[in-house]
Amino acid sequence: ESGAKGCEVVVSGKLRAQRAKSMKFVDGFMIHSGQPVNDFVDTAVRHVLLRQGVLGIKVKIMLPWDPTGRMGPKRPLPDMVTILEPKEEARVTEPRTEDRSP
């Protein structure tokens, strides 16, 4: 809805039991390595203090490429491929030979 390419939410700690667990919720496209992670992924970590203990919440949001630079990074992902239309060429109606001797 808001234009993000993907998101990941990790909740860890004591969830309804004595033993600590970790739950991960993932949706969409997310990159995990390289320089584009620093440019495209926005990360936040919060700790929630409860009666049973501390609950940790990590949220990662992958931003889309935005040429204007308002909603996301100006540079596209390095593996993005753009396909250009071929140039118009003169149509060959009859065969011809060229003399390339000096």
Foldseek 3Di string as FASTA:
>chain_A
DLQFQWKKKKKWQDDPDLDIDIDMDIDGDDDDDDPVCVFFKDKDKDWDQDPSGIMIMIMIIGWAADCVCDRGHNDHDPPDDDDDDDDDDDDDDDDDDDDPDD
